[in-house]
C-alpha atoms as a PDB file:
ATOM      1  CA  UNK A   1       0.000   0.000   0.000  1.00  0.00           C
ATOM      2  CA  UNK A   2       1.238   3.475  -0.812  1.00  0.00           C
ATOM      3  CA  UNK A   3      -0.139   6.896   0.120  1.00  0.00           C
ATOM      4  CA  UNK A   4       0.981   9.804  -2.044  1.00  0.00           C
ATOM      5  CA  UNK A   5       1.105  13.273  -0.506  1.00  0.00           C
ATOM      6  CA  UNK A   6       1.524  16.350  -2.674  1.00  0.00           C
ATOM      7  CA  UNK A   7       2.020  19.574  -0.809  1.00  0.00           C
ATOM      8  CA  UNK A   8       2.221  23.102  -2.143  1.00  0.00           C
ATOM      9  CA  UNK A   9       5.055  24.715  -0.169  1.00  0.00           C
ATOM     10  CA  UNK A  10       3.757  28.151  -1.123  1.00  0.00           C
ATOM     11  CA  UNK A  11       0.426  27.560   0.631  1.00  0.00           C
ATOM     12  CA  UNK A  12       1.395  25.177   3.438  1.00  0.00           C
ATOM     13  CA  UNK A  13       3.398  25.940   6.528  1.00  0.00           C
ATOM     14  CA  UNK A  14       5.960  23.479   7.874  1.00  0.00           C
ATOM     15  CA  UNK A  15       3.458  22.632  10.583  1.00  0.00           C
ATOM     16  CA  UNK A  16       0.794  21.815   7.965  1.00  0.00           C
ATOM     17  CA  UNK A  17       3.257  19.552   6.152  1.00  0.00           C
ATOM     18  CA  UNK A  18       4.085  17.779   9.424  1.00  0.00           C
ATOM     19  CA  UNK A  19       0.401  17.311  10.270  1.00  0.00           C
ATOM     20  CA  UNK A  20      -0.392  15.798   6.858  1.00  0.00           C
ATOM     21  CA  UNK A  21       2.613  13.499   6.988  1.00  0.00           C
ATOM     22  CA  UNK A  22       1.780  12.348  10.525  1.00  0.00           C
ATOM     23  CA  UNK A  23      -1.812  11.596   9.467  1.00  0.00           C
ATOM     24  CA  UNK A  24      -0.538   9.502   6.542  1.00  0.00           C
ATOM     25  CA  UNK A  25       1.958   7.690   8.787  1.00  0.00           C
ATOM     26  CA  UNK A  26      -0.779   6.953  11.362  1.00  0.00           C
ATOM     27  CA  UNK A  27      -3.019   5.546   8.610  1.00  0.00           C
ATOM     28  CA  UNK A  28      -0.220   3.376   7.239  1.00  0.00           C
ATOM     29  CA  UNK A  29       0.746   2.148  10.736  1.00  0.00           C
ATOM     30  CA  UNK A  30      -2.862   1.175  11.442  1.00  0.00           C
ATOM     31  CA  UNK A  31      -3.071  -0.781   8.195  1.00  0.00           C
ATOM     32  CA  UNK A  32       0.302  -2.441   8.782  1.00  0.00           C
ATOM     33  CA  UNK A  33      -0.778  -3.438  12.303  1.00  0.00           C
ATOM     34  CA  UNK A  34      -3.988  -5.047  11.045  1.00  0.00           C
ATOM     35  CA  UNK A  35      -2.171  -6.907   8.292  1.00  0.00           C
ATOM     36  CA  UNK A  36       1.146  -7.398  10.135  1.00  0.00           C
ATOM     37  CA  UNK A  37       2.665  -6.734   6.754  1.00  0.00           C
ATOM     38  CA  UNK A  38       5.762  -4.631   7.412  1.00  0.00           C
ATOM     39  CA  UNK A  39       6.920  -1.236   8.493  1.00  0.00           C
ATOM     40  CA  UNK A  40       6.335   2.237   7.102  1.00  0.00           C
ATOM     41  CA  UNK A  41       8.683   3.971   4.675  1.00  0.00           C
ATOM     42  CA  UNK A  42       8.364   7.751   4.238  1.00  0.00           C
ATOM     43  CA  UNK A  43      10.160   8.972   1.123  1.00  0.00           C
ATOM     44  CA  UNK A  44      10.700  12.632   0.303  1.00  0.00           C
ATOM     45  CA  UNK A  45      10.988  13.009  -3.463  1.00  0.00           C
ATOM     46  CA  UNK A  46      10.915  16.825  -3.440  1.00  0.00           C
ATOM     47  CA  UNK A  47       9.865  19.542  -0.997  1.00  0.00           C
ATOM     48  CA  UNK A  48       6.259  19.097  -2.186  1.00  0.00           C
ATOM     49  CA  UNK A  49       6.057  15.368  -2.924  1.00  0.00           C
ATOM     50  CA  UNK A  50       6.173  12.536  -0.397  1.00  0.00           C
ATOM     51  CA  UNK A  51       5.149   8.891  -0.448  1.00  0.00           C
ATOM     52  CA  UNK A  52       4.224   6.866   2.617  1.00  0.00           C
ATOM     53  CA  UNK A  53       4.219   3.122   2.039  1.00  0.00           C
ATOM     54  CA  UNK A  54       4.038  -0.167   3.889  1.00  0.00           C
ATOM     55  CA  UNK A  55       6.971  -2.356   2.969  1.00  0.00           C
ATOM     56  CA  UNK A  56       8.690  -5.537   4.103  1.00  0.00           C
ATOM     57  CA  UNK A  57      11.995  -3.644   3.705  1.00  0.00           C
ATOM     58  CA  UNK A  58      11.223  -1.892   7.011  1.00  0.00           C
ATOM     59  CA  UNK A  59      10.747  -4.054  10.130  1.00  0.00           C
ATOM     60  CA  UNK A  60       7.195  -4.387  11.425  1.00  0.00           C
ATOM     61  CA  UNK A  61       6.360  -1.573  13.845  1.00  0.00           C
ATOM     62  CA  UNK A  62       9.090   0.762  12.577  1.00  0.00           C
ATOM     63  CA  UNK A  63       8.995   3.971  10.530  1.00  0.00           C
ATOM     64  CA  UNK A  64      11.967   4.740   8.300  1.00  0.00           C
ATOM     65  CA  UNK A  65      12.577   8.018   6.453  1.00  0.00           C
ATOM     66  CA  UNK A  66      14.352   8.265   3.104  1.00  0.00           C
ATOM     67  CA  UNK A  67      15.260  11.517   1.334  1.00  0.00           C
ATOM     68  CA  UNK A  68      15.731  11.408  -2.443  1.00  0.00           C
ATOM     69  CA  UNK A  69      16.172  15.169  -2.843  1.00  0.00           C
END
């Protein structure tokens, strides 16, 4: 499962970005817990584009951040 978050840096504050990311992480953690399917990977592709995904590459119960910028 993958959640894609696009954020307009011109209209969102850092706090707004953090809130949206935390909501996506909470959703992914809940799904991973139900399915016991892996951990959560948060990837920053650009200042306005993030993906949050459940993956077996991250241990169950963990959240890992990756920055591709």
